[in-house]
Amino acid sequence: MPTSSRPLVIGIGNEFRGDDVAGLLAVRALAALGGHARADLLEHRGDGAGLLDAWSGRTRVVLMDAMATSRAPGEVVYLDASERLPTHELGGASTHALGPAQAVEMARALGQLPARVELYAIAGRRFAMGDDASAAVRAAADRVARAVLESL
């Protein structure tokens, strides 16, 4: 399989479930900051198995997603997922059936994990259908976009 050294940044989320939109907001903010010049950007709705296809052949992937946790809304956890993920750092589970952490570990087990995988997890609290994203999560998505742009 051909590889690409161009980074892939994936914003994960559901825009109809409150704070779960965090990753989508972050990748959209990154696009507005000119992120397309430094990386390929992708909005993803959260199918973990689909992530393996999306990052196939990539050497660097950056994931941005919401996390259900007891942490304060808008708190950001950065993890280098190239090594085994410390799930205790993520607090609660992903809001997706097979979330990014599980997709990373599945890809690792299958020998399909890109050389460098980074995860920015934004703490949220409101995930009910029809909820609006909190101001803290919206602000965190902008901070994550700036941090990712700087790292690219």
N, C-alpha and C. Protein backbone atom coordinates (compact mmCIF):
# COMPACT_ATOMS: atom_id res chain seq x y z
N MET A 1 0.84 -1.18 0.00
CA MET A 1 0.00 0.00 0.00
C MET A 1 0.88 1.24 0.00
N PRO A 2 0.62 2.20 -0.90
CA PRO A 2 1.42 3.42 -0.94
C PRO A 2 1.24 4.23 0.34
N THR A 3 2.29 4.92 0.74
CA THR A 3 2.19 5.76 1.93
C THR A 3 2.23 7.22 1.54
N SER A 4 1.68 8.04 2.42
CA SER A 4 1.68 9.48 2.20
C SER A 4 2.30 10.15 3.42
N SER A 5 3.28 11.01 3.17
CA SER A 5 3.89 11.75 4.27
C SER A 5 3.09 13.00 4.61
N ARG A 6 2.09 13.32 3.81
CA ARG A 6 1.24 14.48 4.12
C ARG A 6 0.34 14.11 5.30
N PRO A 7 0.37 14.92 6.37
CA PRO A 7 -0.46 14.60 7.54
C PRO A 7 -1.95 14.59 7.20
N LEU A 8 -2.68 13.77 7.93
CA LEU A 8 -4.13 13.73 7.85
C LEU A 8 -4.68 14.13 9.21
N VAL A 9 -5.52 15.15 9.23
CA VAL A 9 -6.16 15.60 10.47
C VAL A 9 -7.64 15.27 10.36
N ILE A 10 -8.12 14.51 11.35
CA ILE A 10 -9.51 14.04 11.34
C ILE A 10 -10.26 14.63 12.53
N GLY A 11 -11.31 15.37 12.24
CA GLY A 11 -12.22 15.86 13.28
C GLY A 11 -13.40 14.91 13.34
N ILE A 12 -13.66 14.38 14.54
CA ILE A 12 -14.68 13.35 14.72
C ILE A 12 -15.83 13.92 15.55
N GLY A 13 -17.06 13.62 15.14
CA GLY A 13 -18.17 14.07 15.96
C GLY A 13 -19.53 13.96 15.30
N ASN A 14 -20.51 14.35 16.07
CA ASN A 14 -21.91 14.37 15.63
C ASN A 14 -22.46 15.75 15.97
N GLU A 15 -22.79 16.52 14.95
CA GLU A 15 -23.22 17.89 15.19
C GLU A 15 -24.61 18.02 15.80
N PHE A 16 -25.30 16.92 15.98
CA PHE A 16 -26.64 16.97 16.56
C PHE A 16 -26.67 16.52 18.02
N ARG A 17 -25.48 16.25 18.60
CA ARG A 17 -25.42 15.75 19.97
C ARG A 17 -24.55 16.62 20.86
N GLY A 18 -24.87 17.90 20.92
CA GLY A 18 -24.21 18.82 21.84
C GLY A 18 -22.70 18.85 21.71
N ASP A 19 -22.02 18.56 22.83
CA ASP A 19 -20.57 18.66 22.88
C ASP A 19 -19.87 17.64 21.99
N ASP A 20 -20.58 16.66 21.49
CA ASP A 20 -19.98 15.66 20.60
C ASP A 20 -19.49 16.29 19.30
N VAL A 21 -19.89 17.49 19.01
CA VAL A 21 -19.46 18.18 17.79
C VAL A 21 -18.03 18.70 17.89
N ALA A 22 -17.39 18.56 19.03
CA ALA A 22 -16.08 19.17 19.28
C ALA A 22 -15.06 18.92 18.18
N GLY A 23 -14.89 17.69 17.77
CA GLY A 23 -13.90 17.38 16.74
C GLY A 23 -14.22 18.02 15.40
N LEU A 24 -15.51 18.05 15.05
CA LEU A 24 -15.91 18.69 13.80
C LEU A 24 -15.64 20.19 13.86
N LEU A 25 -15.94 20.81 15.01
CA LEU A 25 -15.66 22.24 15.16
C LEU A 25 -14.17 22.52 15.05
N ALA A 26 -13.36 21.64 15.63
CA ALA A 26 -11.91 21.84 15.60
C ALA A 26 -11.36 21.74 14.18
N VAL A 27 -11.80 20.75 13.41
CA VAL A 27 -11.28 20.61 12.05
C VAL A 27 -11.80 21.74 11.16
N ARG A 28 -13.00 22.23 11.41
CA ARG A 28 -13.51 23.38 10.65
C ARG A 28 -12.73 24.64 10.99
N ALA A 29 -12.40 24.82 12.27
CA ALA A 29 -11.59 25.97 12.68
C ALA A 29 -10.19 25.88 12.07
N LEU A 30 -9.64 24.68 12.01
CA LEU A 30 -8.34 24.47 11.39
C LEU A 30 -8.38 24.84 9.91
N ALA A 31 -9.45 24.46 9.24
CA ALA A 31 -9.61 24.81 7.82
C ALA A 31 -9.65 26.33 7.66
N ALA A 32 -10.38 27.01 8.55
CA ALA A 32 -10.48 28.47 8.48
C ALA A 32 -9.14 29.15 8.72
N LEU A 33 -8.26 28.48 9.46
CA LEU A 33 -6.92 29.02 9.73
C LEU A 33 -5.92 28.70 8.62
N GLY A 34 -6.38 28.01 7.58
CA GLY A 34 -5.51 27.66 6.47
C GLY A 34 -4.84 26.31 6.60
N GLY A 35 -5.40 25.44 7.42
CA GLY A 35 -4.82 24.13 7.65
C GLY A 35 -4.69 23.27 6.41
N HIS A 36 -5.51 23.53 5.39
CA HIS A 36 -5.42 22.75 4.14
C HIS A 36 -4.05 22.87 3.49
N ALA A 37 -3.35 23.95 3.74
CA ALA A 37 -2.03 24.14 3.14
C ALA A 37 -0.99 23.19 3.75
N ARG A 38 -1.25 22.71 4.97
CA ARG A 38 -0.27 21.89 5.68
C ARG A 38 -0.67 20.43 5.86
N ALA A 39 -1.96 20.14 5.65
CA ALA A 39 -2.44 18.77 5.90
C ALA A 39 -3.73 18.54 5.14
N ASP A 40 -4.08 17.25 4.98
CA ASP A 40 -5.40 16.90 4.48
C ASP A 40 -6.34 16.90 5.67
N LEU A 41 -7.50 17.50 5.52
CA LEU A 41 -8.47 17.61 6.61
C LEU A 41 -9.70 16.78 6.27
N LEU A 42 -10.24 16.12 7.29
CA LEU A 42 -11.38 15.24 7.09
C LEU A 42 -12.35 15.36 8.25
N GLU A 43 -13.63 15.50 7.92
CA GLU A 43 -14.68 15.41 8.93
C GLU A 43 -15.16 13.96 8.94
N HIS A 44 -15.28 13.40 10.14
CA HIS A 44 -15.67 11.99 10.27
C HIS A 44 -16.77 11.90 11.31
N ARG A 45 -17.75 11.08 11.06
CA ARG A 45 -18.91 11.00 11.94
C ARG A 45 -18.77 9.99 13.08
N GLY A 46 -17.62 9.33 13.19
CA GLY A 46 -17.37 8.55 14.39
C GLY A 46 -17.35 7.05 14.25
N ASP A 47 -17.46 6.51 13.06
CA ASP A 47 -17.36 5.07 12.89
C ASP A 47 -15.90 4.68 13.02
N GLY A 48 -15.53 4.08 14.15
CA GLY A 48 -14.14 3.74 14.42
C GLY A 48 -13.51 2.88 13.36
N ALA A 49 -14.26 1.90 12.86
CA ALA A 49 -13.71 1.02 11.82
C ALA A 49 -13.41 1.82 10.56
N GLY A 50 -14.21 2.82 10.27
CA GLY A 50 -13.98 3.67 9.11
C GLY A 50 -12.70 4.49 9.23
N LEU A 51 -12.25 4.73 10.46
CA LEU A 51 -11.01 5.46 10.65
C LEU A 51 -9.82 4.70 10.07
N LEU A 52 -9.85 3.38 10.21
CA LEU A 52 -8.75 2.57 9.68
C LEU A 52 -8.62 2.77 8.17
N ASP A 53 -9.75 2.83 7.47
CA ASP A 53 -9.72 3.07 6.03
C ASP A 53 -9.24 4.48 5.74
N ALA A 54 -9.71 5.45 6.52
CA ALA A 54 -9.37 6.85 6.28
C ALA A 54 -7.88 7.10 6.40
N TRP A 55 -7.22 6.47 7.37
CA TRP A 55 -5.80 6.75 7.57
C TRP A 55 -4.87 5.72 6.92
N SER A 56 -5.43 4.83 6.16
CA SER A 56 -4.63 3.81 5.49
C SER A 56 -3.54 4.47 4.63
N GLY A 57 -2.31 4.04 4.81
CA GLY A 57 -1.20 4.55 4.03
C GLY A 57 -0.60 5.85 4.54
N ARG A 58 -1.12 6.40 5.62
CA ARG A 58 -0.60 7.66 6.17
C ARG A 58 0.52 7.39 7.16
N THR A 59 1.44 8.32 7.24
CA THR A 59 2.50 8.20 8.24
C THR A 59 2.20 9.03 9.48
N ARG A 60 1.37 10.09 9.35
CA ARG A 60 0.99 10.91 10.51
C ARG A 60 -0.49 11.22 10.45
N VAL A 61 -1.16 10.95 11.59
CA VAL A 61 -2.58 11.23 11.72
C VAL A 61 -2.82 11.97 13.02
N VAL A 62 -3.65 13.00 12.96
CA VAL A 62 -4.07 13.74 14.15
C VAL A 62 -5.58 13.57 14.27
N LEU A 63 -6.02 13.07 15.41
CA LEU A 63 -7.45 12.88 15.69
C LEU A 63 -7.91 13.93 16.70
N MET A 64 -9.10 14.48 16.46
CA MET A 64 -9.70 15.44 17.39
C MET A 64 -11.12 14.95 17.65
N ASP A 65 -11.46 14.78 18.93
CA ASP A 65 -12.76 14.21 19.27
C ASP A 65 -13.19 14.70 20.64
N ALA A 66 -14.46 14.54 20.93
CA ALA A 66 -14.99 14.81 22.27
C ALA A 66 -14.81 13.57 23.13
N MET A 67 -14.79 13.76 24.43
CA MET A 67 -14.78 12.62 25.34
C MET A 67 -15.78 12.86 26.45
N ALA A 68 -16.48 11.80 26.81
CA ALA A 68 -17.41 11.84 27.94
C ALA A 68 -16.59 11.54 29.19
N THR A 69 -16.55 12.48 30.12
CA THR A 69 -15.66 12.38 31.27
C THR A 69 -16.17 13.24 32.41
N SER A 70 -15.56 13.06 33.55
CA SER A 70 -15.88 13.92 34.69
C SER A 70 -15.00 15.18 34.68
N ARG A 71 -14.08 15.28 33.73
CA ARG A 71 -13.25 16.49 33.62
C ARG A 71 -14.13 17.69 33.28
N ALA A 72 -13.62 18.86 33.52
CA ALA A 72 -14.37 20.08 33.23
C ALA A 72 -14.60 20.21 31.73
N PRO A 73 -15.82 20.60 31.33
CA PRO A 73 -16.07 20.79 29.89
C PRO A 73 -15.05 21.76 29.30
N GLY A 74 -14.50 21.37 28.16
CA GLY A 74 -13.51 22.19 27.48
C GLY A 74 -12.08 21.83 27.83
N GLU A 75 -11.87 21.00 28.84
CA GLU A 75 -10.51 20.57 29.15
C GLU A 75 -10.01 19.69 28.01
N VAL A 76 -8.77 19.88 27.61
CA VAL A 76 -8.20 19.13 26.49
C VAL A 76 -7.13 18.18 27.01
N VAL A 77 -7.22 16.94 26.57
CA VAL A 77 -6.21 15.94 26.87
C VAL A 77 -5.51 15.61 25.56
N TYR A 78 -4.19 15.75 25.54
CA TYR A 78 -3.39 15.40 24.37
C TYR A 78 -2.67 14.10 24.66
N LEU A 79 -2.75 13.17 23.73
CA LEU A 79 -2.07 11.89 23.89
C LEU A 79 -1.34 11.53 22.60
N ASP A 80 -0.12 11.04 22.75
CA ASP A 80 0.60 10.47 21.63
C ASP A 80 0.12 9.03 21.54
N ALA A 81 -0.73 8.76 20.58
CA ALA A 81 -1.34 7.44 20.46
C ALA A 81 -0.45 6.47 19.70
N SER A 82 0.76 6.90 19.34
CA SER A 82 1.68 6.00 18.67
C SER A 82 2.10 4.87 19.61
N GLU A 83 2.10 5.17 20.90
CA GLU A 83 2.33 4.16 21.93
C GLU A 83 0.98 3.74 22.48
N ARG A 84 0.96 2.69 23.29
CA ARG A 84 -0.31 2.22 23.84
C ARG A 84 -1.00 3.36 24.58
N LEU A 85 -2.28 3.55 24.31
CA LEU A 85 -3.03 4.64 24.93
C LEU A 85 -3.32 4.35 26.40
N PRO A 86 -3.03 5.30 27.27
CA PRO A 86 -3.41 5.14 28.68
C PRO A 86 -4.89 5.51 28.83
N THR A 87 -5.75 4.53 28.79
CA THR A 87 -7.19 4.81 28.79
C THR A 87 -7.65 5.56 30.03
N HIS A 88 -6.91 5.45 31.14
CA HIS A 88 -7.29 6.22 32.32
C HIS A 88 -7.19 7.72 32.07
N GLU A 89 -6.34 8.14 31.13
CA GLU A 89 -6.21 9.56 30.80
C GLU A 89 -7.45 10.09 30.08
N LEU A 90 -8.17 9.22 29.41
CA LEU A 90 -9.33 9.65 28.64
C LEU A 90 -10.57 9.81 29.50
N GLY A 91 -10.50 9.43 30.75
CA GLY A 91 -11.66 9.58 31.62
C GLY A 91 -12.71 8.55 31.29
N GLY A 92 -13.79 8.99 30.68
CA GLY A 92 -14.86 8.08 30.32
C GLY A 92 -14.68 7.53 28.93
N ALA A 93 -15.70 6.92 28.44
CA ALA A 93 -15.65 6.29 27.13
C ALA A 93 -15.90 7.32 26.04
N SER A 94 -15.59 6.92 24.83
CA SER A 94 -15.93 7.74 23.67
C SER A 94 -17.44 7.78 23.54
N THR A 95 -17.91 8.78 22.83
CA THR A 95 -19.35 8.87 22.58
C THR A 95 -19.75 8.02 21.38
N HIS A 96 -18.80 7.33 20.77
CA HIS A 96 -19.06 6.49 19.60
C HIS A 96 -18.93 5.02 20.00
N ALA A 97 -19.66 4.15 19.32
CA ALA A 97 -19.64 2.73 19.65
C ALA A 97 -18.22 2.18 19.62
N LEU A 98 -17.49 2.45 18.56
CA LEU A 98 -16.07 2.10 18.46
C LEU A 98 -15.36 3.43 18.24
N GLY A 99 -14.83 4.00 19.31
CA GLY A 99 -14.24 5.32 19.24
C GLY A 99 -12.80 5.31 18.77
N PRO A 100 -12.19 6.48 18.71
CA PRO A 100 -10.82 6.61 18.23
C PRO A 100 -9.83 5.75 19.01
N ALA A 101 -9.94 5.70 20.32
CA ALA A 101 -8.99 4.91 21.12
C ALA A 101 -9.08 3.43 20.74
N GLN A 102 -10.29 2.92 20.58
CA GLN A 102 -10.46 1.52 20.19
C GLN A 102 -9.98 1.29 18.75
N ALA A 103 -10.21 2.27 17.87
CA ALA A 103 -9.74 2.15 16.48
C ALA A 103 -8.21 2.12 16.44
N VAL A 104 -7.59 2.95 17.27
CA VAL A 104 -6.12 2.96 17.33
C VAL A 104 -5.60 1.61 17.78
N GLU A 105 -6.20 1.07 18.84
CA GLU A 105 -5.72 -0.22 19.35
C GLU A 105 -6.01 -1.36 18.38
N MET A 106 -7.13 -1.28 17.67
CA MET A 106 -7.43 -2.29 16.66
C MET A 106 -6.39 -2.22 15.54
N ALA A 107 -6.09 -1.01 15.07
CA ALA A 107 -5.10 -0.84 14.01
C ALA A 107 -3.73 -1.33 14.47
N ARG A 108 -3.40 -1.07 15.74
CA ARG A 108 -2.12 -1.54 16.27
C ARG A 108 -2.06 -3.07 16.22
N ALA A 109 -3.14 -3.72 16.66
CA ALA A 109 -3.19 -5.18 16.67
C ALA A 109 -3.11 -5.76 15.27
N LEU A 110 -3.66 -5.04 14.29
CA LEU A 110 -3.67 -5.51 12.90
C LEU A 110 -2.42 -5.10 12.12
N GLY A 111 -1.53 -4.35 12.79
CA GLY A 111 -0.33 -3.86 12.11
C GLY A 111 -0.63 -2.77 11.10
N GLN A 112 -1.71 -2.01 11.30
CA GLN A 112 -2.13 -0.98 10.36
C GLN A 112 -2.11 0.43 10.96
N LEU A 113 -1.39 0.59 12.07
CA LEU A 113 -1.35 1.89 12.73
C LEU A 113 -0.29 2.77 12.05
N PRO A 114 -0.67 4.01 11.68
CA PRO A 114 0.35 4.92 11.13
C PRO A 114 1.50 5.10 12.12
N ALA A 115 2.66 5.50 11.61
CA ALA A 115 3.85 5.67 12.46
C ALA A 115 3.61 6.67 13.58
N ARG A 116 2.86 7.73 13.29
CA ARG A 116 2.59 8.76 14.30
C ARG A 116 1.09 9.03 14.34
N VAL A 117 0.50 8.85 15.52
CA VAL A 117 -0.92 9.12 15.73
C VAL A 117 -1.05 9.95 16.99
N GLU A 118 -1.72 11.09 16.87
CA GLU A 118 -1.94 11.98 18.00
C GLU A 118 -3.43 12.13 18.22
N LEU A 119 -3.82 12.27 19.49
CA LEU A 119 -5.23 12.42 19.83
C LEU A 119 -5.41 13.64 20.72
N TYR A 120 -6.29 14.53 20.30
CA TYR A 120 -6.73 15.65 21.12
C TYR A 120 -8.17 15.34 21.52
N ALA A 121 -8.36 15.06 22.81
CA ALA A 121 -9.70 14.73 23.32
C ALA A 121 -10.22 15.92 24.12
N ILE A 122 -11.38 16.42 23.74
CA ILE A 122 -11.98 17.59 24.38
C ILE A 122 -13.10 17.12 25.29
N ALA A 123 -12.98 17.43 26.57
CA ALA A 123 -13.99 17.02 27.54
C ALA A 123 -15.32 17.73 27.29
N GLY A 124 -16.37 16.94 27.30
CA GLY A 124 -17.72 17.49 27.16
C GLY A 124 -18.62 16.92 28.23
N ARG A 125 -19.79 17.47 28.35
CA ARG A 125 -20.73 17.00 29.35
C ARG A 125 -22.12 16.82 28.76
N ARG A 126 -22.43 17.52 27.67
CA ARG A 126 -23.78 17.50 27.11
C ARG A 126 -23.77 16.74 25.79
N PHE A 127 -24.36 15.54 25.79
CA PHE A 127 -24.32 14.70 24.59
C PHE A 127 -25.69 14.23 24.12
N ALA A 128 -26.76 14.77 24.68
CA ALA A 128 -28.10 14.34 24.29
C ALA A 128 -28.43 14.88 22.89
N MET A 129 -29.22 14.11 22.17
CA MET A 129 -29.66 14.51 20.85
C MET A 129 -30.38 15.86 20.97
N GLY A 130 -29.98 16.80 20.14
CA GLY A 130 -30.61 18.12 20.12
C GLY A 130 -29.95 19.14 21.03
N ASP A 131 -29.02 18.71 21.89
CA ASP A 131 -28.30 19.67 22.73
C ASP A 131 -27.41 20.56 21.87
N ASP A 132 -27.15 21.77 22.35
CA ASP A 132 -26.17 22.65 21.72
C ASP A 132 -24.82 22.40 22.37
N ALA A 133 -23.77 22.65 21.64
CA ALA A 133 -22.42 22.54 22.21
C ALA A 133 -22.23 23.65 23.23
N SER A 134 -21.56 23.34 24.31
CA SER A 134 -21.29 24.33 25.35
C SER A 134 -20.25 25.33 24.87
N ALA A 135 -20.26 26.51 25.46
CA ALA A 135 -19.29 27.55 25.11
C ALA A 135 -17.87 27.07 25.41
N ALA A 136 -17.69 26.32 26.49
CA ALA A 136 -16.35 25.83 26.85
C ALA A 136 -15.81 24.87 25.79
N VAL A 137 -16.66 24.03 25.25
CA VAL A 137 -16.22 23.08 24.22
C VAL A 137 -15.94 23.82 22.91
N ARG A 138 -16.74 24.80 22.59
CA ARG A 138 -16.49 25.59 21.37
C ARG A 138 -15.14 26.30 21.47
N ALA A 139 -14.85 26.89 22.62
CA ALA A 139 -13.57 27.57 22.82
C ALA A 139 -12.41 26.58 22.76
N ALA A 140 -12.61 25.41 23.34
CA ALA A 140 -11.56 24.38 23.31
C ALA A 140 -11.28 23.92 21.89
N ALA A 141 -12.31 23.80 21.06
CA ALA A 141 -12.13 23.39 19.67
C ALA A 141 -11.26 24.40 18.93
N ASP A 142 -11.45 25.68 19.20
CA ASP A 142 -10.60 26.71 18.58
C ASP A 142 -9.16 26.61 19.07
N ARG A 143 -8.96 26.35 20.37
CA ARG A 143 -7.61 26.20 20.91
C ARG A 143 -6.91 24.99 20.30
N VAL A 144 -7.64 23.89 20.17
CA VAL A 144 -7.07 22.68 19.59
C VAL A 144 -6.68 22.95 18.13
N ALA A 145 -7.52 23.64 17.38
CA ALA A 145 -7.21 23.94 15.98
C ALA A 145 -5.91 24.73 15.88
N ARG A 146 -5.73 25.73 16.74
CA ARG A 146 -4.50 26.51 16.73
C ARG A 146 -3.28 25.66 17.10
N ALA A 147 -3.46 24.79 18.09
CA ALA A 147 -2.35 23.92 18.51
C ALA A 147 -1.96 22.96 17.41
N VAL A 148 -2.94 22.39 16.73
CA VAL A 148 -2.66 21.46 15.64
C VAL A 148 -1.98 22.20 14.49
N LEU A 149 -2.46 23.37 14.14
CA LEU A 149 -1.83 24.15 13.07
C LEU A 149 -0.36 24.40 13.40
N GLU A 150 -0.09 24.78 14.62
CA GLU A 150 1.30 25.04 15.03
C GLU A 150 2.15 23.77 14.94
N SER A 151 1.56 22.62 15.26
CA SER A 151 2.33 21.36 15.23
C SER A 151 2.58 20.85 13.82
N LEU A 152 1.79 21.34 12.87
CA LEU A 152 1.95 20.88 11.49
C LEU A 152 3.11 21.60 10.83
